[in-house]
C-alpha atoms as a PDB file:
ATOM      1  CA  MET A   1      70.354-197.488  11.671  1.00  0.00           C
ATOM      2  CA  ASP A   2      73.220-197.606   9.168  1.00  0.00           C
ATOM      3  CA  LEU A   3      74.208-194.179   7.857  1.00  0.00           C
ATOM      4  CA  LYS A   4      77.681-195.151   6.671  1.00  0.00           C
ATOM      5  CA  ASP A   5      78.952-192.916   3.830  1.00  0.00           C
ATOM      6  CA  GLN A   6      76.129-190.408   4.454  1.00  0.00           C
ATOM      7  CA  VAL A   7      76.744-186.697   5.035  1.00  0.00           C
ATOM      8  CA  ALA A   8      74.450-184.840   7.444  1.00  0.00           C
ATOM      9  CA  LEU A   9      74.149-181.085   7.955  1.00  0.00           C
ATOM     10  CA  VAL A  10      72.919-180.123  11.440  1.00  0.00           C
ATOM     11  CA  THR A  11      71.962-176.553  12.337  1.00  0.00           C
ATOM     12  CA  GLY A  12      71.972-175.370  15.931  1.00  0.00           C
ATOM     13  CA  ALA A  13      74.539-178.097  16.573  1.00  0.00           C
ATOM     14  CA  GLY A  14      76.261-176.438  19.517  1.00  0.00           C
ATOM     15  CA  GLN A  15      74.042-177.771  22.280  1.00  0.00           C
ATOM     16  CA  GLY A  16      70.813-179.497  23.244  1.00  0.00           C
ATOM     17  CA  ILE A  17      68.884-181.372  20.568  1.00  0.00           C
ATOM     18  CA  GLY A  18      71.326-180.345  17.837  1.00  0.00           C
ATOM     19  CA  LYS A  19      74.364-181.686  19.657  1.00  0.00           C
ATOM     20  CA  ALA A  20      72.633-184.919  20.701  1.00  0.00           C
ATOM     21  CA  SER A  21      71.386-185.476  17.154  1.00  0.00           C
ATOM     22  CA  ALA A  22      74.801-184.789  15.636  1.00  0.00           C
ATOM     23  CA  LEU A  23      76.324-187.416  17.917  1.00  0.00           C
ATOM     24  CA  GLY A  24      73.506-189.865  17.168  1.00  0.00           C
ATOM     25  CA  LEU A  25      74.028-189.443  13.437  1.00  0.00           C
ATOM     26  CA  ALA A  26      77.787-189.838  13.869  1.00  0.00           C
ATOM     27  CA  ARG A  27      77.351-193.049  15.860  1.00  0.00           C
ATOM     28  CA  ALA A  28      75.149-194.364  13.050  1.00  0.00           C
ATOM     29  CA  GLY A  29      78.049-193.757  10.632  1.00  0.00           C
ATOM     30  CA  ALA A  30      77.402-190.310   9.122  1.00  0.00           C
ATOM     31  CA  ASP A  31      79.955-187.577   8.570  1.00  0.00           C
ATOM     32  CA  LEU A  32      78.835-184.177   9.831  1.00  0.00           C
ATOM     33  CA  ILE A  33      78.577-180.575   8.722  1.00  0.00           C
ATOM     34  CA  LEU A  34      77.907-178.728  11.967  1.00  0.00           C
ATOM     35  CA  VAL A  35      76.466-175.219  12.031  1.00  0.00           C
ATOM     36  CA  ASP A  36      75.899-172.830  14.923  1.00  0.00           C
ATOM     37  CA  ILE A  37      76.230-169.131  15.687  1.00  0.00           C
ATOM     38  CA  ASN A  38      78.205-169.869  18.873  1.00  0.00           C
ATOM     39  CA  GLU A  39      81.758-170.846  17.946  1.00  0.00           C
ATOM     40  CA  GLY A  40      82.593-172.137  21.427  1.00  0.00           C
ATOM     41  CA  THR A  41      79.800-174.701  21.697  1.00  0.00           C
ATOM     42  CA  LEU A  42      80.194-175.537  18.009  1.00  0.00           C
ATOM     43  CA  ALA A  43      83.830-176.489  18.592  1.00  0.00           C
ATOM     44  CA  GLU A  44      82.816-178.718  21.504  1.00  0.00           C
ATOM     45  CA  THR A  45      80.326-180.629  19.371  1.00  0.00           C
ATOM     46  CA  ALA A  46      82.860-180.945  16.551  1.00  0.00           C
ATOM     47  CA  ALA A  47      85.396-182.456  18.952  1.00  0.00           C
ATOM     48  CA  ALA A  48      82.779-184.924  20.238  1.00  0.00           C
ATOM     49  CA  VAL A  49      81.911-186.001  16.673  1.00  0.00           C
ATOM     50  CA  GLU A  50      85.595-186.462  15.834  1.00  0.00           C
ATOM     51  CA  ALA A  51      85.939-188.630  18.951  1.00  0.00           C
ATOM     52  CA  GLU A  52      83.322-190.930  17.371  1.00  0.00           C
ATOM     53  CA  GLY A  53      85.707-191.400  14.422  1.00  0.00           C
ATOM     54  CA  ARG A  54      83.684-189.378  11.913  1.00  0.00           C
ATOM     55  CA  ARG A  55      84.759-186.560   9.608  1.00  0.00           C
ATOM     56  CA  VAL A  56      83.423-183.148  10.538  1.00  0.00           C
ATOM     57  CA  ARG A  57      83.296-179.602   9.198  1.00  0.00           C
ATOM     58  CA  ALA A  58      82.234-176.882  11.656  1.00  0.00           C
ATOM     59  CA  ILE A  59      80.810-173.670  10.189  1.00  0.00           C
ATOM     60  CA  ARG A  60      79.733-170.591  12.118  1.00  0.00           C
ATOM     61  CA  ALA A  61      76.607-169.088  10.562  1.00  0.00           C
ATOM     62  CA  ASP A  62      73.603-166.921  11.385  1.00  0.00           C
ATOM     63  CA  LEU A  63      70.611-169.078  10.423  1.00  0.00           C
ATOM     64  CA  GLY A  64      68.446-166.000   9.903  1.00  0.00           C
ATOM     65  CA  SER A  65      70.702-164.773   7.096  1.00  0.00           C
ATOM     66  CA  VAL A  66      70.118-166.184   3.616  1.00  0.00           C
ATOM     67  CA  ALA A  67      73.642-165.150   2.650  1.00  0.00           C
ATOM     68  CA  ASP A  68      75.038-167.177   5.559  1.00  0.00           C
ATOM     69  CA  ILE A  69      72.833-170.129   4.619  1.00  0.00           C
ATOM     70  CA  ASP A  70      74.124-170.041   1.036  1.00  0.00           C
ATOM     71  CA  ARG A  71      77.701-169.847   2.317  1.00  0.00           C
ATOM     72  CA  MET A  72      77.382-172.706   4.803  1.00  0.00           C
ATOM     73  CA  VAL A  73      75.808-175.050   2.245  1.00  0.00           C
ATOM     74  CA  GLY A  74      78.494-174.113  -0.273  1.00  0.00           C
ATOM     75  CA  GLU A  75      81.275-174.771   2.232  1.00  0.00           C
ATOM     76  CA  GLY A  76      79.699-178.026   3.354  1.00  0.00           C
ATOM     77  CA  THR A  77      79.280-179.418  -0.136  1.00  0.00           C
ATOM     78  CA  ALA A  78      82.804-178.314  -1.048  1.00  0.00           C
ATOM     79  CA  ALA A  79      84.146-180.228   1.935  1.00  0.00           C
ATOM     80  CA  PHE A  80      82.189-183.481   1.424  1.00  0.00           C
ATOM     81  CA  GLY A  81      80.831-183.338  -2.120  1.00  0.00           C
ATOM     82  CA  ARG A  82      77.181-183.669  -1.154  1.00  0.00           C
ATOM     83  CA  ILE A  83      74.568-183.434   1.600  1.00  0.00           C
ATOM     84  CA  ASP A  84      72.389-186.501   2.185  1.00  0.00           C
ATOM     85  CA  ILE A  85      70.613-185.410   5.383  1.00  0.00           C
ATOM     86  CA  LEU A  86      69.516-182.014   6.665  1.00  0.00           C
ATOM     87  CA  LEU A  87      68.494-181.517  10.292  1.00  0.00           C
ATOM     88  CA  ASN A  88      66.847-178.094  10.552  1.00  0.00           C
ATOM     89  CA  ASN A  89      67.191-177.611  14.301  1.00  0.00           C
ATOM     90  CA  ALA A  90      68.266-174.033  15.074  1.00  0.00           C
ATOM     91  CA  GLY A  91      65.608-172.054  16.929  1.00  0.00           C
ATOM     92  CA  VAL A  92      65.015-169.250  19.440  1.00  0.00           C
ATOM     93  CA  THR A  93      62.289-168.209  21.867  1.00  0.00           C
ATOM     94  CA  ARG A  94      61.593-166.393  25.127  1.00  0.00           C
ATOM     95  CA  ARG A  95      59.019-166.815  27.882  1.00  0.00           C
ATOM     96  CA  ALA A  96      56.283-164.169  27.501  1.00  0.00           C
ATOM     97  CA  TYR A  97      52.532-163.618  27.818  1.00  0.00           C
ATOM     98  CA  ILE A  98      50.755-162.903  24.531  1.00  0.00           C
ATOM     99  CA  MET A  99      50.044-159.275  25.471  1.00  0.00           C
ATOM    100  CA  ASP A 100      53.690-158.596  26.296  1.00  0.00           C
ATOM    101  CA  LEU A 101      55.123-159.721  22.951  1.00  0.00           C
ATOM    102  CA  THR A 102      56.546-157.122  20.583  1.00  0.00           C
ATOM    103  CA  GLU A 103      57.289-156.597  16.913  1.00  0.00           C
ATOM    104  CA  GLU A 104      60.936-157.186  17.786  1.00  0.00           C
ATOM    105  CA  ASP A 105      60.006-160.584  19.248  1.00  0.00           C
ATOM    106  CA  TRP A 106      58.062-161.481  16.097  1.00  0.00           C
ATOM    107  CA  ASP A 107      60.941-160.550  13.792  1.00  0.00           C
ATOM    108  CA  ARG A 108      63.630-162.232  15.912  1.00  0.00           C
ATOM    109  CA  ILE A 109      61.767-165.524  16.397  1.00  0.00           C
ATOM    110  CA  HIS A 110      60.402-165.895  12.869  1.00  0.00           C
ATOM    111  CA  ARG A 111      63.739-164.858  11.358  1.00  0.00           C
ATOM    112  CA  VAL A 112      65.344-168.053  12.645  1.00  0.00           C
ATOM    113  CA  ASN A 113      62.457-170.448  13.327  1.00  0.00           C
ATOM    114  CA  ALA A 114      60.520-169.935  10.081  1.00  0.00           C
ATOM    115  CA  LYS A 115      62.628-168.007   7.568  1.00  0.00           C
ATOM    116  CA  GLY A 116      65.809-169.848   8.482  1.00  0.00           C
ATOM    117  CA  VAL A 117      64.171-173.261   8.313  1.00  0.00           C
ATOM    118  CA  PHE A 118      62.627-172.539   4.911  1.00  0.00           C
ATOM    119  CA  PHE A 119      65.782-171.227   3.261  1.00  0.00           C
ATOM    120  CA  CYS A 120      67.952-174.009   4.710  1.00  0.00           C
ATOM    121  CA  LEU A 121      65.468-176.520   3.317  1.00  0.00           C
ATOM    122  CA  GLN A 122      65.338-174.812  -0.068  1.00  0.00           C
ATOM    123  CA  ARG A 123      69.098-174.412  -0.390  1.00  0.00           C
ATOM    124  CA  VAL A 124      69.914-177.983   0.623  1.00  0.00           C
ATOM    125  CA  ALA A 125      67.110-179.346  -1.597  1.00  0.00           C
ATOM    126  CA  ARG A 126      68.903-177.745  -4.567  1.00  0.00           C
ATOM    127  CA  GLU A 127      71.830-180.047  -3.805  1.00  0.00           C
ATOM    128  CA  MET A 128      69.615-183.099  -3.330  1.00  0.00           C
ATOM    129  CA  ILE A 129      67.341-182.789  -6.380  1.00  0.00           C
ATOM    130  CA  PRO A 130      69.994-183.589  -9.047  1.00  0.00           C
ATOM    131  CA  ARG A 131      70.954-186.753  -7.137  1.00  0.00           C
ATOM    132  CA  ARG A 132      67.310-187.742  -6.569  1.00  0.00           C
ATOM    133  CA  SER A 133      67.950-188.560  -2.946  1.00  0.00           C
ATOM    134  CA  GLY A 134      67.700-186.861   0.427  1.00  0.00           C
ATOM    135  CA  ARG A 135      66.248-186.721   3.924  1.00  0.00           C
ATOM    136  CA  ILE A 136      65.121-183.428   5.457  1.00  0.00           C
ATOM    137  CA  ILE A 137      64.109-183.368   9.120  1.00  0.00           C
ATOM    138  CA  ASN A 138      62.711-180.202  10.675  1.00  0.00           C
ATOM    139  CA  ILE A 139      62.542-179.689  14.425  1.00  0.00           C
ATOM    140  CA  ALA A 140      59.111-178.222  15.125  1.00  0.00           C
ATOM    141  CA  SER A 141      57.359-178.439  18.510  1.00  0.00           C
ATOM    142  CA  VAL A 142      54.119-179.499  20.151  1.00  0.00           C
ATOM    143  CA  ALA A 143      53.703-175.727  20.542  1.00  0.00           C
ATOM    144  CA  GLY A 144      52.877-175.691  16.834  1.00  0.00           C
ATOM    145  CA  LYS A 145      49.990-178.085  17.518  1.00  0.00           C
ATOM    146  CA  GLY A 146      48.354-176.039  20.272  1.00  0.00           C
ATOM    147  CA  PHE A 147      50.252-177.064  23.427  1.00  0.00           C
ATOM    148  CA  PRO A 148      48.976-174.571  26.039  1.00  0.00           C
ATOM    149  CA  GLY A 149      52.283-174.483  27.915  1.00  0.00           C
ATOM    150  CA  THR A 150      54.218-172.960  25.011  1.00  0.00           C
ATOM    151  CA  SER A 151      56.848-170.347  25.826  1.00  0.00           C
ATOM    152  CA  ASN A 152      54.909-167.741  23.829  1.00  0.00           C
ATOM    153  CA  ALA A 153      52.364-167.327  21.037  1.00  0.00           C
ATOM    154  CA  ILE A 154      54.896-166.130  18.454  1.00  0.00           C
ATOM    155  CA  TYR A 155      57.039-169.206  19.034  1.00  0.00           C
ATOM    156  CA  ALA A 156      53.944-171.387  18.620  1.00  0.00           C
ATOM    157  CA  ALA A 157      53.144-169.630  15.332  1.00  0.00           C
ATOM    158  CA  SER A 158      56.685-170.167  14.063  1.00  0.00           C
ATOM    159  CA  LYS A 159      56.548-173.887  14.845  1.00  0.00           C
ATOM    160  CA  GLY A 160      53.112-174.167  13.240  1.00  0.00           C
ATOM    161  CA  ALA A 161      54.751-172.715  10.138  1.00  0.00           C
ATOM    162  CA  VAL A 162      57.416-175.446  10.268  1.00  0.00           C
ATOM    163  CA  ILE A 163      54.745-178.153  10.443  1.00  0.00           C
ATOM    164  CA  SER A 164      52.895-176.681   7.448  1.00  0.00           C
ATOM    165  CA  LEU A 165      56.144-176.258   5.516  1.00  0.00           C
ATOM    166  CA  THR A 166      56.983-179.912   6.169  1.00  0.00           C
ATOM    167  CA  LYS A 167      53.713-181.063   4.587  1.00  0.00           C
ATOM    168  CA  THR A 168      54.024-178.884   1.485  1.00  0.00           C
ATOM    169  CA  ALA A 169      57.731-179.569   0.984  1.00  0.00           C
ATOM    170  CA  ALA A 170      57.099-183.313   1.222  1.00  0.00           C
ATOM    171  CA  GLN A 171      54.514-183.083  -1.558  1.00  0.00           C
ATOM    172  CA  GLN A 172      56.686-180.986  -3.855  1.00  0.00           C
ATOM    173  CA  LEU A 173      60.008-182.728  -3.200  1.00  0.00           C
ATOM    174  CA  GLY A 174      58.617-186.260  -3.113  1.00  0.00           C
ATOM    175  CA  PRO A 175      58.906-186.715  -6.900  1.00  0.00           C
ATOM    176  CA  HIS A 176      62.662-186.111  -6.460  1.00  0.00           C
ATOM    177  CA  ASN A 177      62.858-188.955  -3.896  1.00  0.00           C
ATOM    178  CA  ILE A 178      63.396-186.526  -1.009  1.00  0.00           C
ATOM    179  CA  ASN A 179      61.683-187.314   2.291  1.00  0.00           C
ATOM    180  CA  VAL A 180      60.632-184.376   4.483  1.00  0.00           C
ATOM    181  CA  ASN A 181      59.408-184.894   8.048  1.00  0.00           C
ATOM    182  CA  SER A 182      59.350-182.988  11.287  1.00  0.00           C
ATOM    183  CA  VAL A 183      59.788-183.884  14.938  1.00  0.00           C
ATOM    184  CA  CYS A 184      57.656-182.132  17.565  1.00  0.00           C
ATOM    185  CA  PRO A 185      59.355-182.290  20.965  1.00  0.00           C
ATOM    186  CA  GLY A 186      57.480-181.674  24.167  1.00  0.00           C
ATOM    187  CA  ILE A 187      59.382-180.686  27.294  1.00  0.00           C
ATOM    188  CA  VAL A 188      63.110-181.245  26.693  1.00  0.00           C
ATOM    189  CA  ARG A 189      65.893-180.618  29.193  1.00  0.00           C
ATOM    190  CA  THR A 190      68.018-178.179  27.211  1.00  0.00           C
ATOM    191  CA  ALA A 191      69.630-174.810  27.930  1.00  0.00           C
ATOM    192  CA  MET A 192      66.580-173.123  26.364  1.00  0.00           C
ATOM    193  CA  TYR A 193      64.255-175.047  28.685  1.00  0.00           C
ATOM    194  CA  GLU A 194      66.384-174.265  31.727  1.00  0.00           C
ATOM    195  CA  GLY A 195      66.275-170.573  30.848  1.00  0.00           C
ATOM    196  CA  ILE A 196      62.473-170.639  30.652  1.00  0.00           C
ATOM    197  CA  ILE A 197      62.193-172.483  33.991  1.00  0.00           C
ATOM    198  CA  LYS A 198      64.491-169.903  35.595  1.00  0.00           C
ATOM    199  CA  ILE A 199      62.339-166.994  34.369  1.00  0.00           C
ATOM    200  CA  MET A 200      59.176-168.712  35.618  1.00  0.00           C
ATOM    201  CA  SER A 201      60.821-169.337  38.982  1.00  0.00           C
ATOM    202  CA  GLU A 202      61.801-165.686  39.341  1.00  0.00           C
ATOM    203  CA  THR A 203      58.474-164.223  38.204  1.00  0.00           C
ATOM    204  CA  GLU A 204      56.317-166.613  40.261  1.00  0.00           C
ATOM    205  CA  GLY A 205      58.472-166.728  43.393  1.00  0.00           C
ATOM    206  CA  LEU A 206      58.791-170.508  43.264  1.00  0.00           C
ATOM    207  CA  SER A 207      61.852-172.737  43.448  1.00  0.00           C
ATOM    208  CA  LEU A 208      63.295-174.182  40.251  1.00  0.00           C
ATOM    209  CA  GLU A 209      62.379-177.637  41.523  1.00  0.00           C
ATOM    210  CA  ALA A 210      58.753-176.639  42.099  1.00  0.00           C
ATOM    211  CA  VAL A 211      58.397-175.131  38.625  1.00  0.00           C
ATOM    212  CA  GLU A 212      59.886-178.181  36.937  1.00  0.00           C
ATOM    213  CA  ALA A 213      57.805-180.590  39.026  1.00  0.00           C
ATOM    214  CA  ARG A 214      54.652-178.730  37.966  1.00  0.00           C
ATOM    215  CA  ALA A 215      55.647-178.976  34.305  1.00  0.00           C
ATOM    216  CA  VAL A 216      56.520-182.671  34.492  1.00  0.00           C
ATOM    217  CA  ALA A 217      53.219-183.436  36.278  1.00  0.00           C
ATOM    218  CA  THR A 218      51.389-182.572  33.035  1.00  0.00           C
ATOM    219  CA  VAL A 219      53.257-185.326  31.138  1.00  0.00           C
ATOM    220  CA  PRO A 220      51.488-188.713  31.231  1.00  0.00           C
ATOM    221  CA  LEU A 221      54.804-190.571  31.418  1.00  0.00           C
ATOM    222  CA  ARG A 222      55.863-188.226  34.235  1.00  0.00           C
ATOM    223  CA  ARG A 223      59.240-187.439  32.763  1.00  0.00           C
ATOM    224  CA  PRO A 224      60.573-184.802  30.379  1.00  0.00           C
ATOM    225  CA  ASN A 225      62.565-185.632  27.280  1.00  0.00           C
ATOM    226  CA  GLU A 226      66.316-185.709  27.299  1.00  0.00           C
ATOM    227  CA  PRO A 227      67.933-184.473  24.065  1.00  0.00           C
ATOM    228  CA  ASP A 228      68.773-188.083  23.163  1.00  0.00           C
ATOM    229  CA  ASP A 229      65.055-188.921  23.040  1.00  0.00           C
ATOM    230  CA  ILE A 230      64.678-186.474  20.154  1.00  0.00           C
ATOM    231  CA  ALA A 231      67.959-187.568  18.579  1.00  0.00           C
ATOM    232  CA  ASN A 232      66.722-191.172  18.417  1.00  0.00           C
ATOM    233  CA  MET A 233      63.751-190.106  16.276  1.00  0.00           C
ATOM    234  CA  VAL A 234      66.022-187.960  14.100  1.00  0.00           C
ATOM    235  CA  VAL A 235      68.342-190.885  13.396  1.00  0.00           C
ATOM    236  CA  PHE A 236      65.390-193.112  12.504  1.00  0.00           C
ATOM    237  CA  LEU A 237      63.971-190.527  10.083  1.00  0.00           C
ATOM    238  CA  ALA A 238      67.425-190.148   8.517  1.00  0.00           C
ATOM    239  CA  SER A 239      67.794-193.900   8.043  1.00  0.00           C
ATOM    240  CA  PRO A 240      66.729-196.271   5.247  1.00  0.00           C
ATOM    241  CA  GLN A 241      64.150-197.781   7.623  1.00  0.00           C
ATOM    242  CA  SER A 242      61.980-194.667   7.165  1.00  0.00           C
ATOM    243  CA  ARG A 243      62.146-194.639   3.363  1.00  0.00           C
ATOM    244  CA  ASN A 244      58.356-194.514   2.873  1.00  0.00           C
ATOM    245  CA  ILE A 245      57.624-191.941   5.575  1.00  0.00           C
ATOM    246  CA  THR A 246      57.232-188.341   4.450  1.00  0.00           C
ATOM    247  CA  GLY A 247      55.116-185.285   5.219  1.00  0.00           C
ATOM    248  CA  GLN A 248      54.636-186.312   8.847  1.00  0.00           C
ATOM    249  CA  SER A 249      55.119-184.485  12.148  1.00  0.00           C
ATOM    250  CA  PHE A 250      55.959-186.856  14.982  1.00  0.00           C
ATOM    251  CA  ASN A 251      55.399-185.932  18.620  1.00  0.00           C
ATOM    252  CA  VAL A 252      58.092-187.000  21.070  1.00  0.00           C
ATOM    253  CA  ASP A 253      56.491-185.672  24.219  1.00  0.00           C
ATOM    254  CA  GLY A 254      55.690-188.415  26.718  1.00  0.00           C
ATOM    255  CA  GLY A 255      52.010-188.166  25.771  1.00  0.00           C
ATOM    256  CA  LEU A 256      51.772-184.444  26.467  1.00  0.00           C
ATOM    257  CA  ILE A 257      49.234-183.756  23.714  1.00  0.00           C
ATOM    258  CA  PRO A 258      46.891-186.284  22.063  1.00  0.00           C
ATOM    259  CA  ASP A 259      47.840-186.206  18.392  1.00  0.00           C
END
């Protein structure tokens, strides 16, 4: 997977899937524009990318703010001259039953997971269209395809929006030689996942180990994803080997849902 001389912008790069993907892209030869709202974790990822011998620009931004999105893309292109790859990864959720969700939950989750993904895609596509080249990869979720174990219904709706956006964007950006795909992770050991397991443990009176064992038992391969499992698919979709793949949403879930 040779990404030498490519520039990749990764949102939500401070931890989890974003950090693993940033490092995977760096190891494949790409230089990185890293974006996160948390400056501490962002700096850690930037240092790890630099240790791989790649150039990096770290930018703090709120991915629910269009003004911040415009600024981060402007700063990134000023630093490297272009953006070849966009990984739309930033996302939020919380564990909640459908009847306990609020308007505040809807606005908070869709602000980042749907609005943020769309405007990052649109803004970066403006940079890609004149060069007639680009790869856009959106992190969706099996929740957007009906996975019953989703953290909540609003999160599922936001990820369904990402899957639909991927299909439409691929159709409309394809004539500009821009590939648009999404990755749908299943259970992934990240800080977000650990937070959900902790809440389930507390509310159900079970140990953390028991809650995780129950979740993993639903996976045919009997193991959750590590962030690197998602990063491997991201690097493939960013590479020349995937040049004729667009408009697709790939599950990386150990067989969790049949799709």
